[in-house]
Amino acid sequence: MTSSVLVLKVGGRLLQQSEALSALLQVCQRIQQQRPLLLVHGGGEQIEHWLQQFQFSSTKVDGQRVTPAAHIPVIAGALAGDLNSQLVAVAQQAGLNAVGLTLAAGASIRCQIDHSRGCVGIPEAADKHLLETLLAQGFTPIMASLAQAADGQRLNVNADLAAAAVARLVDGDLVLLTDVDGILDKQGRLIDTINSQQAQQLIADGTVVGGMRVKLDAALSAAQHSRRSIAVAGWQHASNLLRLANGEQSGTRIQF
């Protein structure tokens, strides 16, 4: 492949906004004509809804969901069943030759178990053969953030951390889409660029917390590995994704 892979993480409210999702995937189709493209998705709000339907209560620690073993069948159904098939269908309507996968497909991502959170995986890049084969043939992999441990136990994985691991696996550029314009300061203003030292300060003073802290951690890890900047940006304006794909400024850039 002559161009680097663009790894795009989607999730949150975007997956509930059909028009916005369709517009974004149409932009993805334009990008895919110029460079290989791969999507990783979570689905926190949908998972929460499904868990409630089965009368399960759910908590998060530092932005990551605690996942008892009893929750895994429900989470797997939401992620790898409902959401993944929905994304594949919308992507194909937008002209992408989408293929639905989990992180475990082709042993792409391996996981250690985060025992402090139950059946939660800490993702690591493993085997890139399947993804490289699909990308080289013009397919668009769409990966649900569901993985497995060495013993075959299914694991819930934070989608931002999953996307960072996939970006490391394929040596790709990473864009983490979010419900806001990027990482914001205490006054709610967009921060254009953040380096490692600044990131630690934003975490220490409580500016970045919860899910956004996970995004920042994932972006820092990916930037340090790839030695290139990582973008955290809003999904509300799909055309901004074209700018990001071309290396232009949009959202927040995390630098190594």
Protein backbone atom coordinates (compact mmCIF):
# COMPACT_ATOMS: atom_id res chain seq x y z
CA MET A 1 0.00 0.00 0.00
CA THR A 2 1.41 3.34 -1.03
CA SER A 3 -0.59 5.50 1.39
CA SER A 4 -0.81 5.09 5.14
CA VAL A 5 -3.99 3.65 6.57
CA LEU A 6 -6.46 6.03 8.20
CA VAL A 7 -7.88 4.46 11.38
CA LEU A 8 -11.10 6.17 12.43
CA LYS A 9 -12.76 5.58 15.79
CA VAL A 10 -16.52 6.21 15.90
CA GLY A 11 -19.04 5.82 18.69
CA GLY A 12 -21.12 7.77 21.13
CA ARG A 13 -24.11 9.74 19.91
CA LEU A 14 -22.93 9.54 16.30
CA LEU A 15 -24.22 5.96 16.10
CA GLN A 16 -27.69 7.25 17.05
CA GLN A 17 -27.69 10.09 14.50
CA SER A 18 -28.56 8.41 11.21
CA GLU A 19 -28.13 11.48 8.98
CA ALA A 20 -24.80 12.46 10.55
CA LEU A 21 -23.54 8.88 10.36
CA SER A 22 -24.52 8.59 6.71
CA ALA A 23 -22.84 11.91 5.89
CA LEU A 24 -19.65 10.85 7.67
CA LEU A 25 -19.51 7.51 5.87
CA GLN A 26 -20.02 9.24 2.52
CA VAL A 27 -16.93 11.32 3.33
CA CYS A 28 -15.17 8.07 4.27
CA GLN A 29 -15.99 6.72 0.84
CA ARG A 30 -14.25 9.72 -0.74
CA ILE A 31 -11.24 9.24 1.51
CA GLN A 32 -11.09 5.54 0.73
CA GLN A 33 -10.55 6.36 -2.94
CA GLN A 34 -7.26 8.01 -1.95
CA ARG A 35 -6.00 5.85 0.93
CA PRO A 36 -6.92 2.69 2.86
CA LEU A 37 -9.51 3.23 5.59
CA LEU A 38 -10.44 1.23 8.68
CA LEU A 39 -13.10 1.94 11.32
CA VAL A 40 -13.17 0.90 14.97
CA HIS A 41 -16.37 1.43 16.95
CA GLY A 42 -17.71 1.23 20.44
CA GLY A 43 -21.24 2.06 21.49
CA GLY A 44 -21.45 3.11 25.11
CA GLU A 45 -24.96 4.56 25.09
CA GLN A 46 -26.39 1.60 23.18
CA ILE A 47 -24.68 -0.84 25.53
CA GLU A 48 -26.13 1.03 28.51
CA HIS A 49 -29.61 0.75 26.97
CA TRP A 50 -29.22 -2.98 26.31
CA LEU A 51 -27.96 -3.64 29.84
CA GLN A 52 -30.95 -1.83 31.28
CA GLN A 53 -33.29 -3.97 29.18
CA PHE A 54 -31.78 -7.04 30.86
CA GLN A 55 -32.03 -5.30 34.27
CA PHE A 56 -28.27 -5.00 34.68
CA SER A 57 -26.74 -1.94 36.34
CA SER A 58 -23.45 -0.63 34.95
CA THR A 59 -20.68 1.55 36.34
CA LYS A 60 -17.54 3.17 34.98
CA VAL A 61 -14.13 3.76 36.56
CA ASP A 62 -11.98 6.53 35.03
CA GLY A 63 -14.12 6.51 31.89
CA GLN A 64 -14.03 2.74 31.33
CA ARG A 65 -16.97 0.40 31.88
CA VAL A 66 -16.76 -2.24 34.60
CA THR A 67 -17.88 -5.47 32.94
CA PRO A 68 -18.95 -8.46 35.04
CA ALA A 69 -18.95 -11.80 33.23
CA ALA A 70 -22.75 -11.86 33.23
CA HIS A 71 -22.81 -8.69 31.10
CA ILE A 72 -20.65 -10.08 28.29
CA PRO A 73 -23.40 -11.81 26.25
CA VAL A 74 -25.42 -8.57 26.24
CA ILE A 75 -22.41 -6.40 25.37
CA ALA A 76 -21.32 -8.81 22.65
CA GLY A 77 -24.82 -8.73 21.17
CA ALA A 78 -24.85 -4.94 21.18
CA LEU A 79 -21.33 -4.45 19.80
CA ALA A 80 -20.68 -7.33 17.43
CA GLY A 81 -24.32 -7.90 16.52
CA ASP A 82 -26.55 -4.85 16.42
CA LEU A 83 -24.07 -1.98 16.09
CA ASN A 84 -21.54 -3.67 13.84
CA SER A 85 -24.16 -4.91 11.40
CA GLN A 86 -25.80 -1.48 11.39
CA LEU A 87 -22.51 0.24 10.61
CA VAL A 88 -21.67 -2.23 7.86
CA ALA A 89 -25.09 -1.72 6.26
CA VAL A 90 -24.86 2.10 6.32
CA ALA A 91 -21.25 1.99 5.07
CA GLN A 92 -22.21 -0.21 2.15
CA GLN A 93 -25.03 2.19 1.29
CA ALA A 94 -22.40 4.95 1.23
CA GLY A 95 -20.32 3.00 -1.28
CA LEU A 96 -17.78 1.39 1.03
CA ASN A 97 -17.00 -2.30 0.60
CA ALA A 98 -17.39 -2.84 4.34
CA VAL A 99 -16.55 -6.01 6.26
CA GLY A 100 -17.71 -6.45 9.87
CA LEU A 101 -15.16 -7.86 12.34
CA THR A 102 -14.25 -7.97 16.00
CA LEU A 103 -10.79 -7.24 17.36
CA ALA A 104 -10.29 -10.98 17.73
CA ALA A 105 -10.72 -11.69 14.00
CA GLY A 106 -7.52 -13.11 12.55
CA ALA A 107 -5.95 -12.77 16.01
CA SER A 108 -5.48 -9.09 15.07
CA ILE A 109 -5.53 -7.77 18.64
CA ARG A 110 -4.61 -9.75 21.74
CA CYS A 111 -5.64 -8.72 25.21
CA GLN A 112 -4.55 -9.01 28.78
CA ILE A 113 -7.44 -8.97 31.27
CA ASP A 114 -7.94 -5.83 33.33
CA HIS A 115 -9.10 -7.71 36.43
CA SER A 116 -9.90 -4.46 38.24
CA ARG A 117 -12.76 -3.93 35.76
CA GLY A 118 -13.89 -7.53 35.26
CA CYS A 119 -14.07 -8.90 31.73
CA VAL A 120 -12.25 -5.94 30.20
CA GLY A 121 -9.33 -6.23 27.81
CA ILE A 122 -6.11 -4.24 27.64
CA PRO A 123 -5.47 -4.34 23.87
CA GLU A 124 -2.13 -4.98 22.19
CA ALA A 125 -1.30 -5.15 18.48
CA ALA A 126 -0.73 -8.77 17.43
CA ASP A 127 -1.23 -10.07 13.86
CA LYS A 128 -1.76 -7.64 10.96
CA HIS A 129 -2.13 -10.23 8.19
CA LEU A 130 -5.94 -10.24 7.98
CA LEU A 131 -6.32 -6.46 8.06
CA GLU A 132 -3.53 -5.86 5.56
CA THR A 133 -5.07 -8.45 3.23
CA LEU A 134 -8.51 -6.83 3.40
CA LEU A 135 -7.15 -3.30 2.97
CA ALA A 136 -4.98 -4.31 0.02
CA GLN A 137 -8.07 -5.74 -1.69
CA GLY A 138 -10.05 -2.51 -1.25
CA PHE A 139 -12.25 -3.63 1.65
CA THR A 140 -13.11 -1.36 4.58
CA PRO A 141 -12.85 -3.31 7.85
CA ILE A 142 -15.29 -2.15 10.53
CA MET A 143 -14.14 -3.53 13.87
CA ALA A 144 -16.28 -3.84 17.00
CA SER A 145 -14.37 -3.28 20.24
CA LEU A 146 -14.89 -6.85 21.43
CA ALA A 147 -11.85 -9.09 21.91
CA GLN A 148 -10.79 -12.24 23.68
CA ALA A 149 -8.20 -13.37 26.21
CA ALA A 150 -5.63 -16.09 25.62
CA ASP A 151 -8.06 -18.62 27.11
CA GLY A 152 -10.84 -17.61 24.72
CA GLN A 153 -12.82 -15.54 27.23
CA ARG A 154 -14.62 -12.67 25.50
CA LEU A 155 -13.61 -9.20 26.67
CA ASN A 156 -15.11 -5.75 26.42
CA VAL A 157 -12.49 -3.22 25.25
CA ASN A 158 -12.64 0.56 25.41
CA ALA A 159 -13.01 1.63 21.79
CA ASP A 160 -10.49 4.49 22.00
CA LEU A 161 -7.81 2.16 23.35
CA ALA A 162 -8.82 -0.44 20.76
CA ALA A 163 -8.46 2.07 17.92
CA ALA A 164 -5.02 3.09 19.18
CA ALA A 165 -3.93 -0.57 19.21
CA VAL A 166 -5.27 -1.09 15.68
CA ALA A 167 -3.45 2.03 14.48
CA ARG A 168 -0.22 0.62 15.91
CA LEU A 169 -0.92 -2.71 14.23
CA VAL A 170 -1.32 -1.26 10.73
CA ASP A 171 1.06 1.68 11.27
CA GLY A 172 -1.80 4.04 10.50
CA ASP A 173 -2.90 7.60 11.20
CA LEU A 174 -5.46 7.75 14.00
CA VAL A 175 -8.50 10.01 14.33
CA LEU A 176 -10.64 9.68 17.46
CA LEU A 177 -14.07 11.18 16.82
CA THR A 178 -16.02 12.59 19.75
CA ASP A 179 -19.22 14.46 20.57
CA VAL A 180 -17.40 17.80 21.02
CA ASP A 181 -14.99 19.70 18.78
CA GLY A 182 -11.91 18.23 20.45
CA ILE A 183 -10.22 18.56 23.84
CA LEU A 184 -11.38 21.66 25.65
CA ASP A 185 -9.80 23.80 28.36
CA LYS A 186 -11.52 24.77 31.61
CA GLN A 187 -13.30 27.63 29.84
CA GLY A 188 -14.67 25.28 27.17
CA ARG A 189 -12.31 26.55 24.46
CA LEU A 190 -10.77 24.17 21.94
CA ILE A 191 -7.10 23.31 22.50
CA ASP A 192 -5.38 23.10 19.11
CA THR A 193 -2.34 21.04 20.10
CA ILE A 194 -1.24 19.09 23.18
CA ASN A 195 2.09 17.46 23.91
CA SER A 196 2.82 14.81 26.54
CA GLN A 197 3.77 17.27 29.28
CA GLN A 198 0.70 19.41 28.67
CA ALA A 199 -1.48 16.30 28.65
CA GLN A 200 -0.28 15.27 32.09
CA GLN A 201 -1.05 18.75 33.42
CA LEU A 202 -4.58 18.68 31.95
CA ILE A 203 -5.18 15.36 33.68
CA ALA A 204 -3.61 16.44 36.97
CA ASP A 205 -5.66 19.64 37.28
CA GLY A 206 -8.92 17.89 36.39
CA THR A 207 -9.47 19.60 33.04
CA VAL A 208 -9.62 16.25 31.24
CA VAL A 209 -11.57 13.51 33.01
CA GLY A 210 -13.62 10.40 32.31
CA GLY A 211 -14.03 9.33 28.71
CA MET A 212 -11.99 12.23 27.37
CA ARG A 213 -9.09 11.20 29.57
CA VAL A 214 -9.21 7.74 28.00
CA LYS A 215 -9.16 9.37 24.56
CA LEU A 216 -6.17 11.47 25.53
CA ASP A 217 -4.30 8.46 26.93
CA ALA A 218 -5.04 6.47 23.77
CA ALA A 219 -3.92 9.32 21.52
CA LEU A 220 -0.68 9.83 23.47
CA SER A 221 0.12 6.13 23.27
CA ALA A 222 -0.51 6.05 19.52
CA ALA A 223 1.48 9.24 18.93
CA GLN A 224 4.48 7.97 20.88
CA HIS A 225 4.45 4.70 18.94
CA SER A 226 3.92 6.14 15.46
CA ARG A 227 6.00 9.32 15.99
CA ARG A 228 3.23 11.33 14.34
CA SER A 229 0.40 13.46 15.69
CA ILE A 230 -3.04 12.04 16.48
CA ALA A 231 -6.31 13.92 16.10
CA VAL A 232 -9.24 14.13 18.50
CA ALA A 233 -12.10 15.83 16.69
CA GLY A 234 -15.88 16.23 16.56
CA TRP A 235 -18.04 14.29 14.14
CA GLN A 236 -20.69 17.00 13.70
CA HIS A 237 -19.10 18.45 10.56
CA ALA A 238 -18.23 15.51 8.32
CA SER A 239 -16.26 17.69 5.88
CA ASN A 240 -13.66 18.28 8.61
CA LEU A 241 -12.70 14.63 8.27
CA LEU A 242 -11.41 15.37 4.78
CA ARG A 243 -9.13 18.02 6.26
CA LEU A 244 -7.84 15.59 8.85
CA ALA A 245 -7.28 12.92 6.22
CA ASN A 246 -5.16 15.42 4.31
CA GLY A 247 -3.11 16.27 7.39
CA GLU A 248 -4.75 19.67 7.93
CA GLN A 249 -5.72 21.10 11.32
CA SER A 250 -9.10 20.27 12.81
CA GLY A 251 -9.98 19.47 16.39
CA THR A 252 -7.07 18.80 18.76
CA ARG A 253 -3.73 17.38 17.64
CA ILE A 254 -1.86 15.28 20.20
CA GLN A 255 1.88 15.34 19.51
CA PHE A 256 4.57 12.94 20.68
